[in-house]
Amino acid sequence: PLRRVRMSADAMLRALLGSKHKVCMDLRANLKQVKKEDTEKEKDLRD
């Protein structure tokens, strides 16, 4: 029978890898920033 364990991804990696764990699992920090450019289709739709 499985028990529910509350553990973050970082804590899980630390438990599995031990001292080798250096990767940060903050996924939002790793996302690229994308600037939204106006395309002609969007302009046409607005017009």
All heavy atoms as atom14 arrays in JSON, in Angstrom:
{
  "sequence": "PLRRVRMSADAMLRALLGSKHKVCMDLRANLKQVKKEDTEKEKDLRD",
  "atom14_mask": [
    [1, 1, 1, 1, 1, 1, 1, 0, 0, 0, 0, 0, 0, 0],
    [1, 1, 1, 1, 1, 1, 1, 1, 0, 0, 0, 0, 0, 0],
    [1, 1, 1, 1, 1, 1, 1, 1, 1, 1, 1, 0, 0, 0],
    [1, 1, 1, 1, 1, 1, 1, 1, 1, 1, 1, 0, 0, 0],
    [1, 1, 1, 1, 1, 1, 1, 0, 0, 0, 0, 0, 0, 0],
    [1, 1, 1, 1, 1, 1, 1, 1, 1, 1, 1, 0, 0, 0],
    [1, 1, 1, 1, 1, 1, 1, 1, 0, 0, 0, 0, 0, 0],
    [1, 1, 1, 1, 1, 1, 0, 0, 0, 0, 0, 0, 0, 0],
    [1, 1, 1, 1, 1, 0, 0, 0, 0, 0, 0, 0, 0, 0],
    [1, 1, 1, 1, 1, 1, 1, 1, 0, 0, 0, 0, 0, 0],
    [1, 1, 1, 1, 1, 0, 0, 0, 0, 0, 0, 0, 0, 0],
    [1, 1, 1, 1, 1, 1, 1, 1, 0, 0, 0, 0, 0, 0],
    [1, 1, 1, 1, 1, 1, 1, 1, 0, 0, 0, 0, 0, 0],
    [1, 1, 1, 1, 1, 1, 1, 1, 1, 1, 1, 0, 0, 0],
    [1, 1, 1, 1, 1, 0, 0, 0, 0, 0, 0, 0, 0, 0],
    [1, 1, 1, 1, 1, 1, 1, 1, 0, 0, 0, 0, 0, 0],
    [1, 1, 1, 1, 1, 1, 1, 1, 0, 0, 0, 0, 0, 0],
    [1, 1, 1, 1, 0, 0, 0, 0, 0, 0, 0, 0, 0, 0],
    [1, 1, 1, 1, 1, 1, 0, 0, 0, 0, 0, 0, 0, 0],
    [1, 1, 1, 1, 1, 1, 1, 1, 1, 0, 0, 0, 0, 0],
    [1, 1, 1, 1, 1, 1, 1, 1, 1, 1, 0, 0, 0, 0],
    [1, 1, 1, 1, 1, 1, 1, 1, 1, 0, 0, 0, 0, 0],
    [1, 1, 1, 1, 1, 1, 1, 0, 0, 0, 0, 0, 0, 0],
    [1, 1, 1, 1, 1, 1, 0, 0, 0, 0, 0, 0, 0, 0],
    [1, 1, 1, 1, 1, 1, 1, 1, 0, 0, 0, 0, 0, 0],
    [1, 1, 1, 1, 1, 1, 1, 1, 0, 0, 0, 0, 0, 0],
    [1, 1, 1, 1, 1, 1, 1, 1, 0, 0, 0, 0, 0, 0],
    [1, 1, 1, 1, 1, 1, 1, 1, 1, 1, 1, 0, 0, 0],
    [1, 1, 1, 1, 1, 0, 0, 0, 0, 0, 0, 0, 0, 0],
    [1, 1, 1, 1, 1, 1, 1, 1, 0, 0, 0, 0, 0, 0],
    [1, 1, 1, 1, 1, 1, 1, 1, 0, 0, 0, 0, 0, 0],
    [1, 1, 1, 1, 1, 1, 1, 1, 1, 0, 0, 0, 0, 0],
    [1, 1, 1, 1, 1, 1, 1, 1, 1, 0, 0, 0, 0, 0],
    [1, 1, 1, 1, 1, 1, 1, 0, 0, 0, 0, 0, 0, 0],
    [1, 1, 1, 1, 1, 1, 1, 1, 1, 0, 0, 0, 0, 0],
    [1, 1, 1, 1, 1, 1, 1, 1, 1, 0, 0, 0, 0, 0],
    [1, 1, 1, 1, 1, 1, 1, 1, 1, 0, 0, 0, 0, 0],
    [1, 1, 1, 1, 1, 1, 1, 1, 0, 0, 0, 0, 0, 0],
    [1, 1, 1, 1, 1, 1, 1, 0, 0, 0, 0, 0, 0, 0],
    [1, 1, 1, 1, 1, 1, 1, 1, 1, 0, 0, 0, 0, 0],
    [1, 1, 1, 1, 1, 1, 1, 1, 1, 0, 0, 0, 0, 0],
    [1, 1, 1, 1, 1, 1, 1, 1, 1, 0, 0, 0, 0, 0],
    [1, 1, 1, 1, 1, 1, 1, 1, 1, 0, 0, 0, 0, 0],
    [1, 1, 1, 1, 1, 1, 1, 1, 0, 0, 0, 0, 0, 0],
    [1, 1, 1, 1, 1, 1, 1, 1, 0, 0, 0, 0, 0, 0],
    [1, 1, 1, 1, 1, 1, 1, 1, 1, 1, 1, 0, 0, 0],
    [1, 1, 1, 1, 1, 1, 1, 1, 0, 0, 0, 0, 0, 0]
  ],
  "atom14_positions": [
    [[0.85, -1.2, 0.0], [0.0, 0.0, 0.0], [0.88, 1.24, 0.0], [1.84, 1.35, 0.76], [-0.78, -0.11, 1.31], [0.02, -1.03, 2.16], [0.75, -1.95, 1.24], [0.0, 0.0, 0.0], [0.0, 0.0, 0.0], [0.0, 0.0, 0.0], [0.0, 0.0, 0.0], [0.0, 0.0, 0.0], [0.0, 0.0, 0.0], [0.0, 0.0, 0.0]],
    [[0.55, 2.17, -0.89], [1.37, 3.36, -1.03], [0.85, 4.45, -0.11], [-0.35, 4.64, 0.04], [1.35, 3.85, -2.48], [1.88, 2.86, -3.5], [1.74, 3.44, -4.9], [3.34, 2.55, -3.24], [0.0, 0.0, 0.0], [0.0, 0.0, 0.0], [0.0, 0.0, 0.0], [0.0, 0.0, 0.0], [0.0, 0.0, 0.0], [0.0, 0.0, 0.0]],
    [[1.79, 5.17, 0.49], [1.42, 6.29, 1.34], [1.8, 7.58, 0.62], [2.81, 7.64, -0.07], [2.18, 6.23, 2.66], [1.7, 5.08, 3.53], [2.46, 5.05, 4.81], [3.85, 4.68, 4.52], [4.87, 4.92, 5.3], [4.71, 5.55, 6.43], [6.08, 4.54, 4.96], [0.0, 0.0, 0.0], [0.0, 0.0, 0.0], [0.0, 0.0, 0.0]],
    [[0.99, 8.61, 0.81], [1.25, 9.88, 0.17], [2.31, 10.62, 1.0], [2.17, 10.79, 2.2], [-0.01, 10.71, 0.1], [0.18, 12.0, -0.67], [-1.13, 12.58, -0.99], [-1.73, 11.76, -2.03], [-2.77, 12.13, -2.74], [-3.34, 13.27, -2.51], [-3.25, 11.35, -3.67], [0.0, 0.0, 0.0], [0.0, 0.0, 0.0], [0.0, 0.0, 0.0]],
    [[3.37, 11.04, 0.33], [4.45, 11.75, 1.0], [4.56, 13.13, 0.37], [4.68, 13.25, -0.85], [5.79, 10.99, 0.84], [6.92, 11.77, 1.49], [5.68, 9.6, 1.43], [0.0, 0.0, 0.0], [0.0, 0.0, 0.0], [0.0, 0.0, 0.0], [0.0, 0.0, 0.0], [0.0, 0.0, 0.0], [0.0, 0.0, 0.0], [0.0, 0.0, 0.0]],
    [[4.53, 14.14, 1.19], [4.69, 15.51, 0.67], [6.16, 15.82, 0.63], [6.81, 15.93, 1.68], [3.94, 16.5, 1.54], [2.46, 16.33, 1.42], [1.76, 17.42, 2.18], [0.33, 17.27, 1.99], [-0.43, 18.21, 1.47], [0.09, 19.35, 1.12], [-1.71, 18.0, 1.32], [0.0, 0.0, 0.0], [0.0, 0.0, 0.0], [0.0, 0.0, 0.0]],
    [[6.69, 15.95, -0.57], [8.11, 16.22, -0.73], [8.28, 17.01, -2.02], [7.7, 16.67, -3.04], [8.88, 14.9, -0.8], [10.38, 15.06, -0.81], [11.23, 13.48, -0.98], [11.04, 12.79, 0.63], [0.0, 0.0, 0.0], [0.0, 0.0, 0.0], [0.0, 0.0, 0.0], [0.0, 0.0, 0.0], [0.0, 0.0, 0.0], [0.0, 0.0, 0.0]],
    [[9.08, 18.03, -1.96], [9.31, 18.82, -3.16], [10.25, 18.06, -4.09], [10.9, 17.09, -3.69], [9.92, 20.18, -2.79], [11.22, 19.99, -2.28], [0.0, 0.0, 0.0], [0.0, 0.0, 0.0], [0.0, 0.0, 0.0], [0.0, 0.0, 0.0], [0.0, 0.0, 0.0], [0.0, 0.0, 0.0], [0.0, 0.0, 0.0], [0.0, 0.0, 0.0]],
    [[10.34, 18.54, -5.32], [11.22, 17.89, -6.3], [12.67, 18.01, -5.86], [13.46, 17.06, -6.01], [11.03, 18.5, -7.67], [0.0, 0.0, 0.0], [0.0, 0.0, 0.0], [0.0, 0.0, 0.0], [0.0, 0.0, 0.0], [0.0, 0.0, 0.0], [0.0, 0.0, 0.0], [0.0, 0.0, 0.0], [0.0, 0.0, 0.0], [0.0, 0.0, 0.0]],
    [[13.04, 19.16, -5.28], [14.42, 19.33, -4.8], [14.73, 18.34, -3.68], [15.78, 17.71, -3.67], [14.64, 20.77, -4.3], [14.63, 21.77, -5.44], [15.04, 21.38, -6.55], [14.21, 22.92, -5.21], [0.0, 0.0, 0.0], [0.0, 0.0, 0.0], [0.0, 0.0, 0.0], [0.0, 0.0, 0.0], [0.0, 0.0, 0.0], [0.0, 0.0, 0.0]],
    [[13.81, 18.2, -2.75], [14.03, 17.27, -1.63], [14.11, 15.84, -2.14], [14.92, 15.03, -1.66], [12.91, 17.41, -0.61], [0.0, 0.0, 0.0], [0.0, 0.0, 0.0], [0.0, 0.0, 0.0], [0.0, 0.0, 0.0], [0.0, 0.0, 0.0], [0.0, 0.0, 0.0], [0.0, 0.0, 0.0], [0.0, 0.0, 0.0], [0.0, 0.0, 0.0]],
    [[13.31, 15.52, -3.15], [13.34, 14.17, -3.7], [14.68, 13.89, -4.38], [15.28, 12.83, -4.21], [12.19, 14.0, -4.7], [11.74, 12.58, -4.89], [10.32, 12.46, -5.96], [9.09, 13.39, -5.1], [0.0, 0.0, 0.0], [0.0, 0.0, 0.0], [0.0, 0.0, 0.0], [0.0, 0.0, 0.0], [0.0, 0.0, 0.0], [0.0, 0.0, 0.0]],
    [[15.17, 14.86, -5.16], [16.47, 14.69, -5.81], [17.58, 14.6, -4.78], [18.52, 13.81, -4.92], [16.74, 15.84, -6.79], [16.01, 15.75, -8.12], [16.26, 17.01, -8.93], [16.46, 14.54, -8.9], [0.0, 0.0, 0.0], [0.0, 0.0, 0.0], [0.0, 0.0, 0.0], [0.0, 0.0, 0.0], [0.0, 0.0, 0.0], [0.0, 0.0, 0.0]],
    [[17.48, 15.39, -3.72], [18.5, 15.32, -2.66], [18.48, 13.95, -2.0], [19.52, 13.38, -1.7], [18.23, 16.41, -1.62], [19.37, 17.39, -1.52], [19.15, 18.44, -0.46], [18.67, 19.67, -1.07], [17.49, 20.23, -0.9], [16.61, 19.69, -0.08], [17.15, 21.33, -1.53], [0.0, 0.0, 0.0], [0.0, 0.0, 0.0], [0.0, 0.0, 0.0]],
    [[17.29, 13.39, -1.81], [17.18, 12.08, -1.18], [17.74, 10.99, -2.09], [18.39, 10.05, -1.64], [15.73, 11.78, -0.83], [0.0, 0.0, 0.0], [0.0, 0.0, 0.0], [0.0, 0.0, 0.0], [0.0, 0.0, 0.0], [0.0, 0.0, 0.0], [0.0, 0.0, 0.0], [0.0, 0.0, 0.0], [0.0, 0.0, 0.0], [0.0, 0.0, 0.0]],
    [[17.5, 11.13, -3.4], [17.97, 10.11, -4.34], [19.46, 10.23, -4.63], [20.18, 9.24, -4.65], [17.18, 10.19, -5.66], [15.73, 9.75, -5.59], [15.03, 10.06, -6.89], [15.64, 8.28, -5.29], [0.0, 0.0, 0.0], [0.0, 0.0, 0.0], [0.0, 0.0, 0.0], [0.0, 0.0, 0.0], [0.0, 0.0, 0.0], [0.0, 0.0, 0.0]],
    [[19.9, 11.45, -4.88], [21.28, 11.65, -5.33], [22.24, 11.98, -4.2], [23.45, 11.89, -4.37], [21.34, 12.76, -6.39], [20.48, 12.51, -7.63], [20.53, 13.73, -8.53], [20.95, 11.29, -8.38], [0.0, 0.0, 0.0], [0.0, 0.0, 0.0], [0.0, 0.0, 0.0], [0.0, 0.0, 0.0], [0.0, 0.0, 0.0], [0.0, 0.0, 0.0]],
    [[21.73, 12.4, -3.09], [22.59, 12.71, -1.96], [23.33, 14.01, -2.18], [22.77, 15.03, -2.58], [0.0, 0.0, 0.0], [0.0, 0.0, 0.0], [0.0, 0.0, 0.0], [0.0, 0.0, 0.0], [0.0, 0.0, 0.0], [0.0, 0.0, 0.0], [0.0, 0.0, 0.0], [0.0, 0.0, 0.0], [0.0, 0.0, 0.0], [0.0, 0.0, 0.0]],
    [[24.64, 14.01, -1.95], [25.43, 15.25, -2.04], [25.67, 15.67, -3.49], [26.1, 16.79, -3.75], [26.78, 15.05, -1.34], [27.49, 14.03, -1.99], [0.0, 0.0, 0.0], [0.0, 0.0, 0.0], [0.0, 0.0, 0.0], [0.0, 0.0, 0.0], [0.0, 0.0, 0.0], [0.0, 0.0, 0.0], [0.0, 0.0, 0.0], [0.0, 0.0, 0.0]],
    [[25.4, 14.8, -4.46], [25.63, 15.13, -5.86], [24.59, 16.13, -6.39], [24.77, 16.71, -7.44], [25.54, 13.87, -6.73], [26.61, 12.85, -6.42], [26.4, 11.63, -7.29], [27.35, 10.52, -6.91], [27.1, 9.31, -7.68], [0.0, 0.0, 0.0], [0.0, 0.0, 0.0], [0.0, 0.0, 0.0], [0.0, 0.0, 0.0], [0.0, 0.0, 0.0]],
    [[23.51, 16.31, -5.65], [22.4, 17.15, -6.12], [22.82, 18.61, -6.16], [23.09, 19.22, -5.15], [21.19, 16.98, -5.19], [20.09, 17.93, -5.49], [19.39, 17.86, -6.67], [19.58, 18.96, -4.81], [18.47, 18.82, -6.67], [18.57, 19.49, -5.55], [0.0, 0.0, 0.0], [0.0, 0.0, 0.0], [0.0, 0.0, 0.0], [0.0, 0.0, 0.0]],
    [[22.87, 19.16, -7.37], [23.19, 20.58, -7.54], [22.19, 21.26, -8.47], [22.25, 22.44, -8.68], [24.61, 20.75, -8.09], [25.67, 20.32, -7.1], [27.04, 20.51, -7.64], [28.07, 20.02, -6.62], [29.41, 20.06, -7.12], [0.0, 0.0, 0.0], [0.0, 0.0, 0.0], [0.0, 0.0, 0.0], [0.0, 0.0, 0.0], [0.0, 0.0, 0.0]],
    [[21.29, 20.48, -9.05], [20.34, 21.01, -10.01], [19.17, 21.6, -9.24], [18.65, 20.99, -8.32], [19.82, 19.89, -10.94], [18.8, 20.44, -11.92], [20.98, 19.25, -11.66], [0.0, 0.0, 0.0], [0.0, 0.0, 0.0], [0.0, 0.0, 0.0], [0.0, 0.0, 0.0], [0.0, 0.0, 0.0], [0.0, 0.0, 0.0], [0.0, 0.0, 0.0]],
    [[18.76, 22.77, -9.63], [17.62, 23.42, -8.99], [16.38, 23.12, -9.82], [16.4, 23.22, -11.04], [17.85, 24.92, -8.9], [16.51, 25.76, -8.04], [0.0, 0.0, 0.0], [0.0, 0.0, 0.0], [0.0, 0.0, 0.0], [0.0, 0.0, 0.0], [0.0, 0.0, 0.0], [0.0, 0.0, 0.0], [0.0, 0.0, 0.0], [0.0, 0.0, 0.0]],
    [[15.32, 22.72, -9.15], [14.12, 22.33, -9.87], [13.1, 23.47, -9.95], [11.92, 23.23, -10.11], [13.46, 21.13, -9.18], [14.18, 19.82, -9.41], [14.3, 19.37, -11.14], [12.61, 19.06, -11.55], [0.0, 0.0, 0.0], [0.0, 0.0, 0.0], [0.0, 0.0, 0.0], [0.0, 0.0, 0.0], [0.0, 0.0, 0.0], [0.0, 0.0, 0.0]],
    [[13.55, 24.72, -9.82], [12.64, 25.84, -9.98], [12.38, 26.0, -11.48], [13.17, 26.6, -12.2], [13.23, 27.11, -9.38], [12.24, 28.25, -9.41], [11.05, 27.98, -9.63], [12.68, 29.4, -9.21], [0.0, 0.0, 0.0], [0.0, 0.0, 0.0], [0.0, 0.0, 0.0], [0.0, 0.0, 0.0], [0.0, 0.0, 0.0], [0.0, 0.0, 0.0]],
    [[11.29, 25.43, -11.94], [11.03, 25.37, -13.38], [10.75, 26.73, -13.98], [11.1, 27.0, -15.12], [9.86, 24.42, -13.65], [10.09, 22.97, -13.25], [8.83, 22.16, -13.46], [11.24, 22.38, -14.03], [0.0, 0.0, 0.0], [0.0, 0.0, 0.0], [0.0, 0.0, 0.0], [0.0, 0.0, 0.0], [0.0, 0.0, 0.0], [0.0, 0.0, 0.0]],
    [[10.14, 27.63, -13.23], [9.81, 28.93, -13.78], [11.06, 29.76, -14.03], [11.09, 30.6, -14.93], [8.89, 29.67, -12.82], [7.53, 29.05, -12.77], [6.58, 29.84, -11.94], [5.29, 29.18, -11.91], [4.49, 29.14, -10.88], [4.84, 29.77, -9.78], [3.35, 28.52, -10.94], [0.0, 0.0, 0.0], [0.0, 0.0, 0.0], [0.0, 0.0, 0.0]],
    [[12.11, 29.53, -13.25], [13.35, 30.29, -13.44], [14.03, 29.88, -14.74], [14.75, 30.68, -15.34], [14.28, 30.07, -12.26], [0.0, 0.0, 0.0], [0.0, 0.0, 0.0], [0.0, 0.0, 0.0], [0.0, 0.0, 0.0], [0.0, 0.0, 0.0], [0.0, 0.0, 0.0], [0.0, 0.0, 0.0], [0.0, 0.0, 0.0], [0.0, 0.0, 0.0]],
    [[13.81, 28.66, -15.18], [14.5, 28.16, -16.38], [13.76, 28.52, -17.67], [14.28, 28.28, -18.76], [14.66, 26.65, -16.3], [15.57, 26.24, -15.17], [16.42, 27.03, -14.75], [15.4, 25.02, -14.67], [0.0, 0.0, 0.0], [0.0, 0.0, 0.0], [0.0, 0.0, 0.0], [0.0, 0.0, 0.0], [0.0, 0.0, 0.0], [0.0, 0.0, 0.0]],
    [[12.57, 29.1, -17.55], [11.83, 29.44, -18.76], [12.42, 30.67, -19.44], [12.91, 31.59, -18.79], [10.37, 29.72, -18.41], [9.57, 28.52, -17.92], [8.18, 28.97, -17.52], [9.49, 27.45, -18.97], [0.0, 0.0, 0.0], [0.0, 0.0, 0.0], [0.0, 0.0, 0.0], [0.0, 0.0, 0.0], [0.0, 0.0, 0.0], [0.0, 0.0, 0.0]],
    [[12.34, 30.67, -20.78], [12.85, 31.82, -21.53], [11.79, 32.92, -21.55], [10.6, 32.64, -21.56], [13.16, 31.41, -22.97], [14.4, 30.56, -23.07], [14.73, 30.01, -24.44], [14.24, 30.73, -25.63], [14.66, 30.13, -26.9], [0.0, 0.0, 0.0], [0.0, 0.0, 0.0], [0.0, 0.0, 0.0], [0.0, 0.0, 0.0], [0.0, 0.0, 0.0]],
    [[12.28, 34.16, -21.6], [11.36, 35.28, -21.73], [11.11, 35.51, -23.21], [12.05, 35.62, -24.0], [11.98, 36.55, -21.12], [12.13, 36.48, -19.62], [10.79, 36.54, -18.92], [9.85, 37.11, -19.44], [10.72, 35.94, -17.73], [0.0, 0.0, 0.0], [0.0, 0.0, 0.0], [0.0, 0.0, 0.0], [0.0, 0.0, 0.0], [0.0, 0.0, 0.0]],
    [[9.87, 35.58, -23.6], [9.52, 35.75, -25.0], [8.73, 37.04, -25.13], [7.75, 37.26, -24.43], [8.67, 34.57, -25.51], [8.3, 34.77, -26.97], [9.42, 33.28, -25.31], [0.0, 0.0, 0.0], [0.0, 0.0, 0.0], [0.0, 0.0, 0.0], [0.0, 0.0, 0.0], [0.0, 0.0, 0.0], [0.0, 0.0, 0.0], [0.0, 0.0, 0.0]],
    [[9.19, 37.92, -26.04], [8.46, 39.16, -26.3], [7.42, 38.89, -27.37], [7.7, 38.25, -28.37], [9.4, 40.25, -26.78], [10.35, 40.7, -25.7], [11.19, 41.83, -26.19], [12.13, 42.32, -25.12], [12.99, 43.4, -25.59], [0.0, 0.0, 0.0], [0.0, 0.0, 0.0], [0.0, 0.0, 0.0], [0.0, 0.0, 0.0], [0.0, 0.0, 0.0]],
    [[6.25, 39.42, -27.14], [5.17, 39.19, -28.08], [5.24, 40.26, -29.17], [5.21, 41.45, -28.89], [3.84, 39.27, -27.35], [2.69, 38.78, -28.15], [1.45, 38.69, -27.29], [0.32, 38.12, -28.08], [-0.9, 38.05, -27.3], [0.0, 0.0, 0.0], [0.0, 0.0, 0.0], [0.0, 0.0, 0.0], [0.0, 0.0, 0.0], [0.0, 0.0, 0.0]],
    [[5.38, 39.82, -30.41], [5.46, 40.74, -31.53], [4.13, 40.76, -32.25], [3.46, 39.75, -32.39], [6.56, 40.31, -32.5], [7.95, 40.33, -31.88], [9.01, 39.87, -32.88], [8.7, 39.76, -34.08], [10.13, 39.62, -32.43], [0.0, 0.0, 0.0], [0.0, 0.0, 0.0], [0.0, 0.0, 0.0], [0.0, 0.0, 0.0], [0.0, 0.0, 0.0]],
    [[3.76, 41.96, -32.7], [2.51, 42.08, -33.44], [2.72, 41.59, -34.86], [3.59, 42.05, -35.58], [2.04, 43.54, -33.48], [1.58, 44.01, -32.11], [1.19, 43.12, -31.33], [1.62, 45.22, -31.86], [0.0, 0.0, 0.0], [0.0, 0.0, 0.0], [0.0, 0.0, 0.0], [0.0, 0.0, 0.0], [0.0, 0.0, 0.0], [0.0, 0.0, 0.0]],
    [[1.93, 40.66, -35.25], [2.02, 40.16, -36.62], [0.9, 40.79, -37.43], [-0.05, 41.39, -36.89], [1.87, 38.62, -36.65], [0.61, 38.29, -36.07], [2.98, 37.95, -35.86], [0.0, 0.0, 0.0], [0.0, 0.0, 0.0], [0.0, 0.0, 0.0], [0.0, 0.0, 0.0], [0.0, 0.0, 0.0], [0.0, 0.0, 0.0], [0.0, 0.0, 0.0]],
    [[1.0, 40.65, -38.73], [0.01, 41.27, -39.62], [-1.38, 40.66, -39.42], [-2.38, 41.35, -39.47], [0.45, 41.11, -41.07], [1.62, 41.99, -41.44], [1.94, 41.9, -42.92], [1.02, 41.61, -43.72], [3.09, 42.11, -43.27], [0.0, 0.0, 0.0], [0.0, 0.0, 0.0], [0.0, 0.0, 0.0], [0.0, 0.0, 0.0], [0.0, 0.0, 0.0]],
    [[-1.41, 39.36, -39.17], [-2.71, 38.71, -38.98], [-3.43, 39.26, -37.77], [-4.63, 39.51, -37.8], [-2.53, 37.2, -38.84], [-2.14, 36.52, -40.12], [-2.03, 35.03, -39.93], [-1.6, 34.36, -41.22], [-1.46, 32.91, -41.08], [0.0, 0.0, 0.0], [0.0, 0.0, 0.0], [0.0, 0.0, 0.0], [0.0, 0.0, 0.0], [0.0, 0.0, 0.0]],
    [[-2.67, 39.45, -36.69], [-3.3, 40.0, -35.49], [-3.81, 41.42, -35.74], [-4.86, 41.8, -35.24], [-2.3, 39.98, -34.33], [-1.98, 38.58, -33.84], [-0.92, 38.58, -32.76], [-0.51, 39.67, -32.32], [-0.49, 37.48, -32.37], [0.0, 0.0, 0.0], [0.0, 0.0, 0.0], [0.0, 0.0, 0.0], [0.0, 0.0, 0.0], [0.0, 0.0, 0.0]],
    [[-3.05, 42.18, -36.5], [-3.5, 43.55, -36.83], [-4.77, 43.5, -37.66], [-5.72, 44.26, -37.44], [-2.42, 44.3, -37.61], [-1.26, 44.71, -36.74], [-0.25, 45.46, -37.58], [0.96, 45.82, -36.74], [2.01, 46.49, -37.53], [0.0, 0.0, 0.0], [0.0, 0.0, 0.0], [0.0, 0.0, 0.0], [0.0, 0.0, 0.0], [0.0, 0.0, 0.0]],
    [[-4.8, 42.58, -38.64], [-5.99, 42.44, -39.48], [-7.19, 42.06, -38.63], [-8.3, 42.58, -38.82], [-5.78, 41.4, -40.57], [-4.78, 41.88, -41.63], [-4.54, 43.1, -41.69], [-4.27, 41.03, -42.38], [0.0, 0.0, 0.0], [0.0, 0.0, 0.0], [0.0, 0.0, 0.0], [0.0, 0.0, 0.0], [0.0, 0.0, 0.0], [0.0, 0.0, 0.0]],
    [[-6.98, 41.18, -37.69], [-8.08, 40.75, -36.85], [-8.59, 41.9, -35.99], [-9.79, 42.04, -35.77], [-7.64, 39.57, -35.95], [-7.45, 38.25, -36.66], [-6.9, 37.21, -35.69], [-8.76, 37.76, -37.26], [0.0, 0.0, 0.0], [0.0, 0.0, 0.0], [0.0, 0.0, 0.0], [0.0, 0.0, 0.0], [0.0, 0.0, 0.0], [0.0, 0.0, 0.0]],
    [[-7.67, 42.72, -35.52], [-8.1, 43.86, -34.71], [-8.83, 44.88, -35.57], [-9.75, 45.55, -35.13], [-6.89, 44.51, -34.03], [-6.6, 43.84, -32.69], [-5.55, 44.6, -31.94], [-4.32, 43.81, -32.03], [-3.14, 44.26, -32.37], [-2.98, 45.52, -32.69], [-2.1, 43.48, -32.43], [0.0, 0.0, 0.0], [0.0, 0.0, 0.0], [0.0, 0.0, 0.0]],
    [[-8.38, 45.06, -36.83], [-9.0, 46.04, -37.71], [-10.4, 45.62, -38.14], [-11.24, 46.46, -38.42], [-8.14, 46.26, -38.95], [-6.82, 46.96, -38.59], [-6.77, 47.56, -37.5], [-5.88, 46.88, -39.4], [0.0, 0.0, 0.0], [0.0, 0.0, 0.0], [0.0, 0.0, 0.0], [0.0, 0.0, 0.0], [0.0, 0.0, 0.0], [0.0, 0.0, 0.0]]
  ]
}
